[in-house]
């Protein structure tokens, strides 16, 4: 079940980047959600909105 949550989070981040909410330098986490470190891979909002 963790793989489904991981894929959902990965796809969500990719979609937010695609529609321009997140900056392109935002990196997706492809490991287990329990291993996600927001300091290492923060979500970066686009600042030109």
Foldseek 3Di string as FASTA:
>chain_A
DQQVVLVVQQVVLVVCCVVQQFPPPQDRDNDGPVPDDCVVGPTHGDPPD
